[in-house]
Amino acid sequence: MSVELNHTIVHARDKAVSAASLARILDLPLGVPWGPFLPLTPANGVTLDYVDVGENEIQPQHYALLISDEHFDSALARLRARTLTGEKPC
């Protein structure tokens, strides 16, 4: 069996809000909650498993998503629309 990245855990104050926020921006469906995690799955199947961390400190992390120019432009438009309405970022 080859080695493949399966998932990474994304720490959040509120996993439902954070995962739904990115799902809206990228136009992706949210996955079904599994244990303490709420997954968001891009096309390549590697899940971003959101988890609540309570009052623990959240360390900055870097996630790079490869998307087409068209998808990027759509996502950027949705992000800008949220900013104009005063909605908080992810």
N, C-alpha and C. Protein backbone atom coordinates (compact mmCIF):
# COMPACT_ATOMS: atom_id res chain seq x y z
N MET A 1 0.85 -1.19 0.00
CA MET A 1 0.00 0.00 0.00
C MET A 1 0.88 1.24 0.00
N SER A 2 0.55 2.20 -0.83
CA SER A 2 1.29 3.45 -0.84
C SER A 2 0.89 4.31 0.35
N VAL A 3 1.71 5.26 0.67
CA VAL A 3 1.45 6.17 1.79
C VAL A 3 0.74 7.41 1.25
N GLU A 4 -0.40 7.73 1.83
CA GLU A 4 -1.17 8.89 1.43
C GLU A 4 -1.59 9.68 2.66
N LEU A 5 -1.64 10.99 2.54
CA LEU A 5 -2.17 11.82 3.62
C LEU A 5 -3.68 11.63 3.65
N ASN A 6 -4.24 11.31 4.81
CA ASN A 6 -5.66 11.03 4.96
C ASN A 6 -6.42 12.24 5.49
N HIS A 7 -5.87 12.90 6.50
CA HIS A 7 -6.56 14.05 7.09
C HIS A 7 -5.57 14.90 7.89
N THR A 8 -6.02 16.08 8.23
CA THR A 8 -5.30 16.91 9.18
C THR A 8 -6.35 17.53 10.09
N ILE A 9 -5.96 17.83 11.31
CA ILE A 9 -6.89 18.38 12.28
C ILE A 9 -6.75 19.90 12.33
N VAL A 10 -7.89 20.57 12.24
CA VAL A 10 -7.93 22.03 12.28
C VAL A 10 -8.55 22.44 13.62
N HIS A 11 -7.78 23.12 14.45
CA HIS A 11 -8.28 23.58 15.75
C HIS A 11 -9.16 24.80 15.56
N ALA A 12 -10.26 24.84 16.30
CA ALA A 12 -11.22 25.95 16.17
C ALA A 12 -11.87 26.25 17.50
N ARG A 13 -12.30 27.46 17.66
CA ARG A 13 -13.10 27.82 18.85
C ARG A 13 -14.49 27.21 18.73
N ASP A 14 -15.04 27.22 17.50
CA ASP A 14 -16.34 26.63 17.23
C ASP A 14 -16.24 25.91 15.89
N LYS A 15 -16.07 24.60 15.93
CA LYS A 15 -15.83 23.84 14.71
C LYS A 15 -16.95 23.99 13.69
N ALA A 16 -18.19 24.07 14.16
CA ALA A 16 -19.33 24.19 13.24
C ALA A 16 -19.28 25.51 12.47
N VAL A 17 -19.00 26.59 13.18
CA VAL A 17 -18.92 27.91 12.54
C VAL A 17 -17.73 27.97 11.59
N SER A 18 -16.58 27.52 12.04
CA SER A 18 -15.36 27.59 11.24
C SER A 18 -15.44 26.72 9.99
N ALA A 19 -15.87 25.49 10.14
CA ALA A 19 -15.96 24.58 9.00
C ALA A 19 -17.01 25.07 8.01
N ALA A 20 -18.15 25.52 8.50
CA ALA A 20 -19.21 26.02 7.61
C ALA A 20 -18.76 27.27 6.87
N SER A 21 -17.98 28.10 7.53
CA SER A 21 -17.48 29.32 6.91
C SER A 21 -16.59 29.00 5.71
N LEU A 22 -15.63 28.10 5.90
CA LEU A 22 -14.75 27.74 4.79
C LEU A 22 -15.52 26.98 3.72
N ALA A 23 -16.46 26.15 4.12
CA ALA A 23 -17.28 25.42 3.15
C ALA A 23 -18.04 26.38 2.23
N ARG A 24 -18.60 27.45 2.81
CA ARG A 24 -19.31 28.45 2.00
C ARG A 24 -18.36 29.16 1.04
N ILE A 25 -17.19 29.55 1.54
CA ILE A 25 -16.23 30.26 0.70
C ILE A 25 -15.80 29.41 -0.48
N LEU A 26 -15.48 28.13 -0.21
CA LEU A 26 -14.96 27.25 -1.26
C LEU A 26 -16.06 26.47 -1.99
N ASP A 27 -17.32 26.67 -1.59
CA ASP A 27 -18.45 25.98 -2.20
C ASP A 27 -18.27 24.46 -2.11
N LEU A 28 -18.01 24.00 -0.88
CA LEU A 28 -17.84 22.58 -0.60
C LEU A 28 -18.90 22.13 0.40
N PRO A 29 -19.36 20.88 0.32
CA PRO A 29 -20.29 20.39 1.33
C PRO A 29 -19.55 20.01 2.61
N LEU A 30 -20.23 20.19 3.73
CA LEU A 30 -19.67 19.72 5.00
C LEU A 30 -19.89 18.22 5.09
N GLY A 31 -18.98 17.55 5.75
CA GLY A 31 -19.13 16.12 5.97
C GLY A 31 -20.01 15.84 7.18
N VAL A 32 -20.20 14.58 7.45
CA VAL A 32 -20.98 14.13 8.60
C VAL A 32 -20.07 14.12 9.82
N PRO A 33 -20.51 14.72 10.94
CA PRO A 33 -19.67 14.69 12.14
C PRO A 33 -19.26 13.26 12.49
N TRP A 34 -18.02 13.13 12.94
CA TRP A 34 -17.47 11.82 13.32
C TRP A 34 -16.71 12.01 14.62
N GLY A 35 -17.22 11.46 15.69
CA GLY A 35 -16.61 11.68 16.99
C GLY A 35 -16.59 13.17 17.28
N PRO A 36 -15.45 13.69 17.72
CA PRO A 36 -15.38 15.13 18.02
C PRO A 36 -15.10 15.99 16.79
N PHE A 37 -15.04 15.38 15.60
CA PHE A 37 -14.61 16.08 14.40
C PHE A 37 -15.76 16.42 13.45
N LEU A 38 -15.59 17.52 12.73
CA LEU A 38 -16.50 17.91 11.66
C LEU A 38 -15.64 18.05 10.40
N PRO A 39 -15.75 17.11 9.46
CA PRO A 39 -14.85 17.11 8.30
C PRO A 39 -15.34 17.99 7.15
N LEU A 40 -14.37 18.55 6.47
CA LEU A 40 -14.58 19.26 5.21
C LEU A 40 -13.63 18.57 4.24
N THR A 41 -14.17 18.06 3.13
CA THR A 41 -13.37 17.22 2.24
C THR A 41 -13.25 17.82 0.85
N PRO A 42 -12.06 18.31 0.48
CA PRO A 42 -11.83 18.76 -0.88
C PRO A 42 -11.83 17.58 -1.86
N ALA A 43 -11.69 17.85 -3.15
CA ALA A 43 -11.82 16.85 -4.20
C ALA A 43 -10.83 15.69 -4.07
N ASN A 44 -9.65 15.92 -3.49
CA ASN A 44 -8.66 14.84 -3.42
C ASN A 44 -8.87 13.90 -2.24
N GLY A 45 -9.89 14.16 -1.42
CA GLY A 45 -10.25 13.24 -0.36
C GLY A 45 -9.52 13.40 0.96
N VAL A 46 -8.56 14.29 1.05
CA VAL A 46 -7.86 14.53 2.32
C VAL A 46 -8.75 15.46 3.15
N THR A 47 -9.21 14.99 4.29
CA THR A 47 -10.16 15.80 5.05
C THR A 47 -9.47 16.81 5.97
N LEU A 48 -10.14 17.94 6.11
CA LEU A 48 -9.80 18.92 7.13
C LEU A 48 -10.78 18.64 8.27
N ASP A 49 -10.30 18.01 9.33
CA ASP A 49 -11.17 17.62 10.44
C ASP A 49 -11.15 18.71 11.51
N TYR A 50 -12.22 19.47 11.55
CA TYR A 50 -12.33 20.56 12.53
C TYR A 50 -12.67 19.99 13.90
N VAL A 51 -12.04 20.54 14.93
CA VAL A 51 -12.28 20.10 16.30
C VAL A 51 -12.26 21.33 17.21
N ASP A 52 -13.16 21.34 18.19
CA ASP A 52 -13.18 22.43 19.17
C ASP A 52 -12.02 22.26 20.15
N VAL A 53 -11.34 23.36 20.47
CA VAL A 53 -10.23 23.30 21.41
C VAL A 53 -10.53 24.02 22.72
N GLY A 54 -11.76 24.50 22.87
CA GLY A 54 -12.12 25.19 24.10
C GLY A 54 -11.31 26.45 24.27
N GLU A 55 -10.78 26.64 25.45
CA GLU A 55 -10.01 27.84 25.76
C GLU A 55 -8.52 27.69 25.47
N ASN A 56 -8.11 26.52 24.96
CA ASN A 56 -6.70 26.31 24.64
C ASN A 56 -6.26 27.26 23.53
N GLU A 57 -5.00 27.60 23.56
CA GLU A 57 -4.44 28.49 22.53
C GLU A 57 -4.42 27.78 21.18
N ILE A 58 -4.76 28.51 20.15
CA ILE A 58 -4.71 27.97 18.79
C ILE A 58 -3.44 28.48 18.13
N GLN A 59 -2.62 27.56 17.69
CA GLN A 59 -1.38 27.91 17.01
C GLN A 59 -1.65 28.11 15.52
N PRO A 60 -1.04 29.14 14.93
CA PRO A 60 -1.22 29.32 13.48
C PRO A 60 -0.72 28.09 12.72
N GLN A 61 -1.47 27.74 11.69
CA GLN A 61 -1.10 26.62 10.82
C GLN A 61 -1.30 27.06 9.39
N HIS A 62 -0.66 26.37 8.46
CA HIS A 62 -0.75 26.72 7.05
C HIS A 62 -1.37 25.57 6.28
N TYR A 63 -2.40 25.86 5.51
CA TYR A 63 -3.04 24.87 4.64
C TYR A 63 -3.06 25.45 3.24
N ALA A 64 -2.57 24.71 2.27
CA ALA A 64 -2.54 25.18 0.88
C ALA A 64 -3.50 24.32 0.06
N LEU A 65 -4.44 24.97 -0.61
CA LEU A 65 -5.40 24.27 -1.45
C LEU A 65 -5.14 24.65 -2.90
N LEU A 66 -5.09 23.68 -3.77
CA LEU A 66 -4.88 23.92 -5.19
C LEU A 66 -6.24 23.99 -5.87
N ILE A 67 -6.57 25.17 -6.41
CA ILE A 67 -7.85 25.35 -7.10
C ILE A 67 -7.61 26.08 -8.41
N SER A 68 -8.56 25.96 -9.31
CA SER A 68 -8.45 26.63 -10.60
C SER A 68 -8.62 28.13 -10.42
N ASP A 69 -8.20 28.88 -11.43
CA ASP A 69 -8.37 30.34 -11.39
C ASP A 69 -9.85 30.70 -11.26
N GLU A 70 -10.71 29.98 -11.97
CA GLU A 70 -12.14 30.25 -11.92
C GLU A 70 -12.71 30.01 -10.52
N HIS A 71 -12.32 28.90 -9.91
CA HIS A 71 -12.78 28.58 -8.56
C HIS A 71 -12.23 29.61 -7.57
N PHE A 72 -10.98 30.02 -7.76
CA PHE A 72 -10.39 31.03 -6.89
C PHE A 72 -11.17 32.35 -6.98
N ASP A 73 -11.47 32.77 -8.20
CA ASP A 73 -12.21 34.03 -8.38
C ASP A 73 -13.58 33.97 -7.71
N SER A 74 -14.25 32.82 -7.80
CA SER A 74 -15.55 32.65 -7.14
C SER A 74 -15.41 32.68 -5.63
N ALA A 75 -14.39 31.99 -5.12
CA ALA A 75 -14.17 31.96 -3.67
C ALA A 75 -13.81 33.35 -3.15
N LEU A 76 -12.97 34.07 -3.89
CA LEU A 76 -12.60 35.42 -3.49
C LEU A 76 -13.82 36.34 -3.48
N ALA A 77 -14.70 36.19 -4.45
CA ALA A 77 -15.92 37.01 -4.50
C ALA A 77 -16.80 36.72 -3.28
N ARG A 78 -16.93 35.44 -2.91
CA ARG A 78 -17.73 35.09 -1.73
C ARG A 78 -17.08 35.64 -0.46
N LEU A 79 -15.75 35.58 -0.38
CA LEU A 79 -15.04 36.10 0.78
C LEU A 79 -15.22 37.62 0.88
N ARG A 80 -15.10 38.30 -0.24
CA ARG A 80 -15.29 39.77 -0.24
C ARG A 80 -16.73 40.14 0.14
N ALA A 81 -17.70 39.39 -0.33
CA ALA A 81 -19.10 39.66 0.01
C ALA A 81 -19.31 39.51 1.52
N ARG A 82 -18.69 38.51 2.13
CA ARG A 82 -18.79 38.32 3.58
C ARG A 82 -18.19 39.49 4.32
N THR A 83 -17.04 39.98 3.83
CA THR A 83 -16.36 41.10 4.48
C THR A 83 -17.23 42.34 4.43
N LEU A 84 -17.89 42.56 3.31
CA LEU A 84 -18.75 43.73 3.16
C LEU A 84 -19.95 43.68 4.09
N THR A 85 -20.43 42.49 4.41
CA THR A 85 -21.57 42.35 5.31
C THR A 85 -21.15 42.34 6.78
N GLY A 86 -19.84 42.37 7.02
CA GLY A 86 -19.34 42.39 8.39
C GLY A 86 -19.21 41.02 9.03
N GLU A 87 -19.40 39.96 8.25
CA GLU A 87 -19.25 38.61 8.80
C GLU A 87 -17.79 38.36 9.13
N LYS A 88 -17.55 37.74 10.26
CA LYS A 88 -16.17 37.48 10.69
C LYS A 88 -15.53 36.44 9.79
N PRO A 89 -14.20 36.51 9.63
CA PRO A 89 -13.51 35.48 8.85
C PRO A 89 -13.54 34.14 9.57
N CYS A 90 -13.11 33.09 8.87
CA CYS A 90 -13.11 31.71 9.42
C CYS A 90 -12.37 31.66 10.72
